[in-house]
Amino acid sequence: MTTVVASAGLAVNERVEIRRNRITGKSSKTPSGKRVCIVTGTHGDELEGQYVCAETARILNENLSQLNGTVDIYPAINPLGIDSITRGIPLFDLDMNRIFPGTSEGTMAESLAMDIISDISGADICIDIHSSNIYLKEIPQIRINEITADELIPYAKMLNCDFIWIHSSATVLESTLAFSLNTTGTKTLVVEMGVGMRITKEYCRQLTAGIFNMLKNLGMWESTVYKGLHRVGI
């Protein structure tokens, strides 16, 4: 089910809307009550996450009886940037991943950011997917702040990525979606892979397999259908 979780008015009677695709399982088992969020499209020129969201939604919808819990997919939290293949929010020249957690008393972008944080908060795990820039191709990797490393590393190992990078805090990182969610107690992993303005299908399938491996480890996925997504065995 698709729901608008944040919106704001634009010029000429238009609106910007941020949507969530909620997929709830139909497993015969007692409902687990668990929720996993997949977020991408923060930067409009990073398209790898679009493919991952589409593939994840397809597999889930084709196998709802194997899903026990809820998967929330946010495919474009910067929809204006995605529409124009622009890194930031068009016209504002603003990096959306530098305004979290946002505020209702701020600008349009800050208000949208606050609503996004509010909607994701409380999930068991959130996966925030990014790509590199147009000049650099990066292997699938997970980036974790050293402050939350002990808590997040066990989940990072489930995602079928090649590398886990634990880094120190920097002032600019404190305004990102991942940092803000981790601060509220919602465990969030940042995935970086591929290249800007491109889709590397091999990397996307590798991460998609990792997402289903995580769902399985969380007791939310009962099938092995995902194993054919990538040559790496899980």
Protein backbone atom coordinates (compact mmCIF):
# COMPACT_ATOMS: atom_id res chain seq x y z
CA MET A 1 0.00 0.00 0.00
CA THR A 2 1.39 3.37 -1.03
CA THR A 3 0.97 6.28 1.39
CA VAL A 4 2.08 9.91 1.34
CA VAL A 5 4.15 10.43 4.50
CA ALA A 6 5.27 14.02 3.86
CA SER A 7 4.16 16.76 1.50
CA ALA A 8 4.52 20.48 0.93
CA GLY A 9 3.10 23.06 -1.43
CA LEU A 10 5.04 24.31 -4.44
CA ALA A 11 4.47 27.09 -6.92
CA VAL A 12 1.60 27.01 -9.43
CA ASN A 13 -0.65 24.84 -7.24
CA GLU A 14 1.75 21.87 -7.26
CA ARG A 15 2.90 19.72 -4.35
CA VAL A 16 5.96 17.68 -3.54
CA GLU A 17 5.01 14.32 -2.04
CA ILE A 18 7.22 11.72 -0.37
CA ARG A 19 5.68 8.26 -0.53
CA ARG A 20 6.09 5.04 1.39
CA ASN A 21 5.30 1.63 -0.08
CA ARG A 22 4.26 -0.60 2.83
CA ILE A 23 4.36 -4.35 2.19
CA THR A 24 2.87 -6.51 4.93
CA GLY A 25 3.35 -10.25 4.94
CA LYS A 26 0.67 -12.91 4.87
CA SER A 27 2.56 -15.66 6.64
CA SER A 28 0.50 -18.28 8.46
CA LYS A 29 2.71 -17.90 11.51
CA THR A 30 1.99 -15.62 14.45
CA PRO A 31 2.76 -12.06 13.24
CA SER A 32 6.26 -11.04 14.24
CA GLY A 33 5.40 -7.36 14.51
CA LYS A 34 8.82 -6.48 13.10
CA ARG A 35 9.38 -3.67 10.61
CA VAL A 36 12.32 -3.01 8.27
CA CYS A 37 12.67 0.25 6.32
CA ILE A 38 14.55 0.66 3.03
CA VAL A 39 15.29 4.28 2.15
CA THR A 40 16.87 5.77 -0.95
CA GLY A 41 16.70 8.74 -3.29
CA THR A 42 18.08 11.24 -0.78
CA HIS A 43 20.39 12.40 -3.56
CA GLY A 44 18.62 12.57 -6.90
CA ASP A 45 21.67 11.55 -8.95
CA GLU A 46 22.08 8.25 -7.06
CA LEU A 47 20.00 5.61 -8.83
CA GLU A 48 21.31 2.27 -7.54
CA GLY A 49 18.81 2.27 -4.71
CA GLN A 50 15.92 2.64 -7.16
CA TYR A 51 16.73 -0.75 -8.64
CA VAL A 52 17.12 -2.35 -5.20
CA CYS A 53 13.74 -1.01 -4.09
CA ALA A 54 12.04 -2.25 -7.26
CA GLU A 55 13.55 -5.74 -7.01
CA THR A 56 12.84 -6.03 -3.29
CA ALA A 57 9.22 -4.98 -3.76
CA ARG A 58 8.78 -7.39 -6.67
CA ILE A 59 10.08 -10.40 -4.75
CA LEU A 60 8.08 -9.53 -1.64
CA ASN A 61 4.82 -9.04 -3.54
CA GLU A 62 5.30 -12.32 -5.41
CA ASN A 63 5.91 -14.20 -2.15
CA LEU A 64 3.76 -12.51 0.51
CA SER A 65 3.07 -15.82 2.21
CA GLN A 66 6.80 -16.03 3.01
CA LEU A 67 6.94 -12.61 4.70
CA ASN A 68 6.23 -12.31 8.42
CA GLY A 69 6.25 -8.65 9.32
CA THR A 70 6.35 -5.34 7.45
CA VAL A 71 8.80 -3.87 4.96
CA ASP A 72 8.47 -0.14 4.33
CA ILE A 73 10.11 1.11 1.13
CA TYR A 74 10.84 4.83 0.64
CA PRO A 75 12.11 4.92 -2.98
CA ALA A 76 12.55 8.68 -3.35
CA ILE A 77 12.75 10.92 -0.30
CA ASN A 78 14.04 13.68 -2.57
CA PRO A 79 11.49 13.26 -5.40
CA LEU A 80 12.31 16.60 -7.04
CA GLY A 81 15.96 15.58 -7.22
CA ILE A 82 15.11 12.14 -8.63
CA ASP A 83 12.87 13.67 -11.30
CA SER A 84 15.66 15.99 -12.45
CA ILE A 85 18.64 13.69 -11.70
CA THR A 86 19.98 16.41 -9.41
CA ARG A 87 21.96 15.63 -6.26
CA GLY A 88 20.28 18.22 -4.06
CA ILE A 89 16.81 19.69 -3.92
CA PRO A 90 16.41 21.65 -7.20
CA LEU A 91 16.21 25.45 -7.03
CA PHE A 92 17.32 25.42 -3.37
CA ASP A 93 20.77 23.96 -4.12
CA LEU A 94 20.36 22.06 -0.86
CA ASP A 95 21.78 18.67 0.12
CA MET A 96 18.83 16.93 1.79
CA ASN A 97 21.18 14.71 3.80
CA ARG A 98 22.42 17.75 5.70
CA ILE A 99 19.12 18.94 7.21
CA PHE A 100 18.00 16.05 9.44
CA PRO A 101 16.30 15.65 11.87
CA GLY A 102 14.44 18.70 10.57
CA THR A 103 11.85 20.87 12.29
CA SER A 104 8.26 21.97 11.76
CA GLU A 105 9.36 25.56 12.32
CA GLY A 106 11.93 25.56 9.51
CA THR A 107 11.96 25.62 5.75
CA MET A 108 9.97 23.32 3.47
CA ALA A 109 12.88 20.88 3.30
CA GLU A 110 13.33 20.83 7.09
CA SER A 111 9.62 20.17 7.58
CA LEU A 112 9.75 17.26 5.12
CA ALA A 113 12.83 15.90 6.89
CA MET A 114 11.05 15.95 10.24
CA ASP A 115 8.07 14.02 8.82
CA ILE A 116 10.40 11.41 7.29
CA ILE A 117 12.20 10.88 10.60
CA SER A 118 8.88 10.59 12.40
CA ASP A 119 7.57 7.96 9.99
CA ILE A 120 10.70 5.76 10.05
CA SER A 121 11.38 6.02 13.79
CA GLY A 122 10.59 2.87 15.71
CA ALA A 123 11.53 0.45 12.93
CA ASP A 124 13.65 -2.55 13.91
CA ILE A 125 16.24 -1.65 11.27
CA CYS A 126 16.60 0.94 8.51
CA ILE A 127 18.81 0.58 5.43
CA ASP A 128 19.79 3.91 3.82
CA ILE A 129 21.08 3.27 0.26
CA HIS A 130 23.44 5.66 -1.56
CA SER A 131 25.68 5.64 -4.65
CA SER A 132 29.03 7.20 -5.35
CA ASN A 133 29.54 10.19 -7.67
CA ILE A 134 29.89 10.06 -11.47
CA TYR A 135 33.70 9.89 -11.29
CA LEU A 136 34.10 6.98 -8.88
CA LYS A 137 32.73 3.43 -8.78
CA GLU A 138 32.65 1.91 -5.30
CA ILE A 139 32.19 -1.70 -4.26
CA PRO A 140 29.13 -2.42 -2.07
CA GLN A 141 30.06 -1.22 1.40
CA ILE A 142 28.42 -0.33 4.68
CA ARG A 143 29.42 2.80 6.55
CA ILE A 144 28.96 2.90 10.31
CA ASN A 145 29.76 5.63 12.78
CA GLU A 146 32.09 4.38 15.51
CA ILE A 147 29.58 5.57 18.11
CA THR A 148 27.09 2.88 17.05
CA ALA A 149 29.53 0.29 15.71
CA ASP A 150 29.06 -2.36 18.40
CA GLU A 151 25.29 -2.35 17.93
CA LEU A 152 25.25 -2.22 14.12
CA ILE A 153 28.08 -4.53 13.01
CA PRO A 154 26.03 -7.74 13.54
CA TYR A 155 23.37 -6.38 11.18
CA ALA A 156 25.94 -5.09 8.69
CA LYS A 157 27.38 -8.59 8.33
CA MET A 158 24.00 -9.84 7.11
CA LEU A 159 23.81 -7.51 4.09
CA ASN A 160 26.14 -9.39 1.72
CA CYS A 161 28.38 -6.38 1.12
CA ASP A 162 32.12 -6.51 0.45
CA PHE A 163 33.33 -4.06 3.05
CA ILE A 164 32.30 -2.52 6.38
CA TRP A 165 33.78 0.90 7.04
CA ILE A 166 33.73 2.17 10.64
CA HIS A 167 34.50 5.88 10.72
CA SER A 168 34.70 8.63 13.31
CA SER A 169 32.07 11.30 13.79
CA ALA A 170 32.30 14.61 11.97
CA THR A 171 30.11 17.65 12.47
CA VAL A 172 28.56 17.37 9.01
CA LEU A 173 27.52 13.76 9.61
CA GLU A 174 25.34 14.75 12.54
CA SER A 175 22.77 16.19 10.14
CA THR A 176 22.33 13.02 8.09
CA LEU A 177 19.32 10.72 8.08
CA ALA A 178 21.32 7.80 9.46
CA PHE A 179 22.88 9.71 12.34
CA SER A 180 19.55 11.25 13.32
CA LEU A 181 17.73 7.91 13.27
CA ASN A 182 20.47 6.16 15.25
CA THR A 183 20.24 8.96 17.80
CA THR A 184 16.52 8.24 18.26
CA GLY A 185 17.23 4.53 18.77
CA THR A 186 16.28 3.34 15.28
CA LYS A 187 19.20 1.21 14.09
CA THR A 188 20.27 2.52 10.65
CA LEU A 189 22.92 1.27 8.23
CA VAL A 190 24.28 3.33 5.35
CA VAL A 191 25.06 1.40 2.16
CA GLU A 192 27.26 2.99 -0.52
CA MET A 193 27.85 1.34 -3.90
CA GLY A 194 28.19 1.80 -7.61
CA VAL A 195 28.48 5.08 -9.46
CA GLY A 196 26.38 8.22 -9.80
CA MET A 197 23.73 8.43 -12.54
CA ARG A 198 24.15 4.72 -13.33
CA ILE A 199 22.72 1.40 -12.18
CA THR A 200 25.19 -1.42 -11.56
CA LYS A 201 22.83 -4.41 -11.64
CA GLU A 202 25.36 -6.85 -10.19
CA TYR A 203 25.85 -4.69 -7.10
CA CYS A 204 22.11 -4.10 -6.76
CA ARG A 205 21.34 -7.81 -6.87
CA GLN A 206 24.09 -8.46 -4.36
CA LEU A 207 22.55 -5.99 -1.90
CA THR A 208 19.02 -7.25 -2.58
CA ALA A 209 20.15 -10.75 -1.65
CA GLY A 210 21.66 -9.28 1.50
CA ILE A 211 18.39 -7.58 2.42
CA PHE A 212 16.52 -10.87 2.18
CA ASN A 213 19.27 -12.56 4.18
CA MET A 214 18.74 -9.94 6.88
CA LEU A 215 14.97 -10.50 6.80
CA LYS A 216 15.60 -14.22 7.21
CA ASN A 217 17.91 -13.66 10.18
CA LEU A 218 15.27 -11.41 11.76
CA GLY A 219 12.69 -14.18 11.41
CA MET A 220 10.72 -12.22 8.81
CA TRP A 221 11.44 -14.27 5.66
CA GLU A 222 10.75 -17.97 5.25
CA SER A 223 11.80 -18.52 1.62
CA THR A 224 15.13 -19.11 -0.13
CA VAL A 225 13.96 -17.46 -3.36
CA TYR A 226 16.49 -14.65 -2.98
CA LYS A 227 19.56 -16.91 -3.18
CA GLY A 228 19.69 -16.82 -6.97
CA LEU A 229 20.11 -13.06 -7.05
CA HIS A 230 23.91 -13.08 -6.87
CA ARG A 231 26.77 -15.52 -7.18
CA VAL A 232 27.77 -14.96 -3.57
CA GLY A 233 26.22 -17.73 -1.47
CA ILE A 234 24.47 -16.75 1.75
